[in-house]
Amino acid sequence: MAQITAGRPSATEIKFAVTMPSKVTQFLIVTPIMSIEETLMNLCESWQIQDASAYALSDMETTFYITETNRSKLRNGSVLTLSESPKKAVQKMINRLNGDDQERREALQQLASKAMDITFVEHFIEQKGVELLLTFLESGKMQGNVLAYSLTAIFEIMEHGLVPWSTLSTGFISQVTEHVKKTKAPQDATVTQKSLSLLELAVLNSQTLYTIVANNILFDDLIPHLSRGSEIQQCSIALMNALFLGAPPERKKRFEDSLSSKDVRIAILEKVIRCQPSGGEMLHQIYVFQQLTFNLLEKKLNTPVAANTDQFEQQLDHVDELMKIAFGNSTDSKKSSMSASKKLGFQDCANPINDFLVAPPGVLALNCMYYFATIHTGNYTRIVLENSCRGDAHECPFGKTGIALTNLLCSILHVGEMPDDSCHTYHPMFFACDNAFEEFFCICIQLLNKTWRDMRATVDDLDKVLSVVKEQIEYALKEKPSAIENFKTKLTALNYNEIQKRRQQERSIKEEIDSQAAPVVELRNKIRPEIIDLIKQQRFKYLMQGTKVPGIKANTQFFCRLSPNQKYVQYATVADDKNINDHEDWQSIEIREISTLVAGADMKIKKGKLGFGIQCNERTAAIEIYVPHIHALDMWWDGINALRGQEMTSEQTKSDLKTLLGMEMKLRLLDTANIKIPAESPPIPPPPSNYDFYYV
């Protein structure tokens, strides 16, 4: 094959090669104004081919035809081939389909591949190829590889959306369902896979065909396929999802029972999830299945407790049972019942059932709280007694927090939301547990109580506690625990202090990322001179206030300061009882005469003293200035350097600059909270054509 070099084509042209048996490879350049037809005609002319309409360009790797519709997929360096036109290829294929068994077999094998090309399919439909293919399929005589090729071809053709689903007869779809149900003597894997995929498309696109499939296929028919290859597993779960999503109201209950079936859940867990599934589509189908399972909670979530329902008496009994388990039979009287309701944290102490009138979370919250009290009685009573021992201000109200937590958990699991087409995240632990949501609630209500204690929260802090609990749960779920106990273990490590650390880390990371954005860097560079000038002024004020250290002689002190006009460094030794301002015998060093500052390590300073030297010229010794501590040394060093027009280099200046610049940046960026800062500054628009502004 000829090699080509893409070079540096302009953004408006594509360079590629075209090959053809017995012809010299051509290197072509196509610009946007040149049509594919014009390019083809030029190519045929250069190769001296008479009838250009009998040929077409196709990609050498995919064999797909290149048309005006898909020309955007051409890339520099592509290698195309000049092949027969799709119309001519379809004519040949239909002739072979009408030939003997061997020709038909070869034609169907080729069609299975060609059907992925929409250009070829358009001509195949135009020449009545679909009707011919369905005739073969509906005959029921196809078997083995021939059946696999035929089902693959019809699936690819239908997936393009060019053929109405009414074209497929109910008899044909019934035949396809039989291919799926033959589990005792399994069909060829391709036959099973394409049958499952075709049925999935059928139930999602045709209500008539949905009815045929739903009448013939049960979830139990699909469970055996979960033990086969990953592609068949994926198609089986996808068909389950499609059957549920397309179910009309009268069939909804049946498929809700199938979706929540323990046999189906365990089969997916053991045959699929524990085998570490991979591939985006497989993960997506598992996610969709789980999301649909979560959505089964939506009815209870949005159903408030109501006196006119059959379950009302049972719901009243559940509320009474919550109080009896917590406080025993001492709740029989009305007064003691109200007291128990208050201790449990219900808002309506006289009639706590009214707390569940609001939906969401409605009946679901009551069911979860009742499940916790009856199944995990020890943990329930422990929480109630623990809160009874706290002061009223810090008591964690079980009733109120249980209702709020149910809402939070449904929000985390997106209960009631349709599956996201781009999501692949699922939680294995919910497949591994009976009554998964209720068990999830039981662990999280204990977590909430512990976090409440760690935060020393009051009732007014409920929203703050819930925000921390939400982070704890989401962090634990991100690690995809395989069982509910693993989830509980992960939560143990995610205490309140850990969440605080993670919040700080995330905040620091975000600030670091934001600080690298071009607009932020530009703003920081603009502010920096202002902050440096502010530090200079602070240094000058410090120097003018002066610094003193004990003098060499007893009852004396050494005092050094900057003159009020900032032109001289003044120093003197004075008596302790003498007012500095009254002292007249000052020695001065003019700032402009200073040639060098000498660091303490480079000058002979008495042991235990901190200081620096000021040297006015090379021939005179440095004048030693002593300071009481390192902070004063940094202030003097920076101050004199700033007065001399030099850079301030001390660690104190670096610290001050970082602190002040950081604070100023945060203040300037307050209005951009929750707004993503672009990586680059927006372009400055061109000036107006005139400046004749209109003022009202």
Foldseek 3Di string as FASTA:
>chain_A
DDFDDLPDDDPFKAWEWEDEPPDDIDIDIDGPVDAQLNVQVVVCVVVVNDDSLQKFKAFPPLRATDHPVPVVPGHHHTYIYIGTDLLVVLVVLVVQCPDDPVSVQVSLQVLLSVLLHVRNLVNCVVVVVVVSLLVVQLVVPDADPSLLSSLSNVLSSVVVVPDAPVVHDLSSLLVLLVLLQPLVPHGDPSSNLSSLSSLLVPLQRDVVNLVSNVVRDDLVSLLSQLQDDPSSVLSSLSSLLSNQVSDDPVCNVVSLCRLLDLSSLVSCLVSPVVVPDDDQSSLLSVLQSVQVNLQVLVVQQFDAADPPDPCNVVLQVLVVVLLCLQPNPQLVDQVSQLVSQVLLQAPPSNRSSVSQRDHGRHRVLSVLSSCLCPVVVVLSNVLSVVLVPDDQFLRDRNSVLSSVVVVLVCVLSVHPDRRDPRDRDDAQAQSVDDVSVSLVSNLLSSLLSQQSVVVSHGPVCSVVSSVLSSVLQVVLRVVRDNHPVSSSVSSVVSHPVNSVVVVVVVVVVVVVVVCLFAVNVVVLVVCLVVLQVVLLVVLLVVQQVWAWDCDPDPQKIKIWHADPVRFWIWIDIGGNPDDPVPDDPIDIDGLQQFDDKAAPVRDDDPPPWHWIFTDRDDVDDTDTDTHDDPVVRLSVQQNSCVSNVHHRDDPVVVVSSVVVSVVVSCVVCVVCPPPDDHSYDDDDDDDDPDDPDDDD
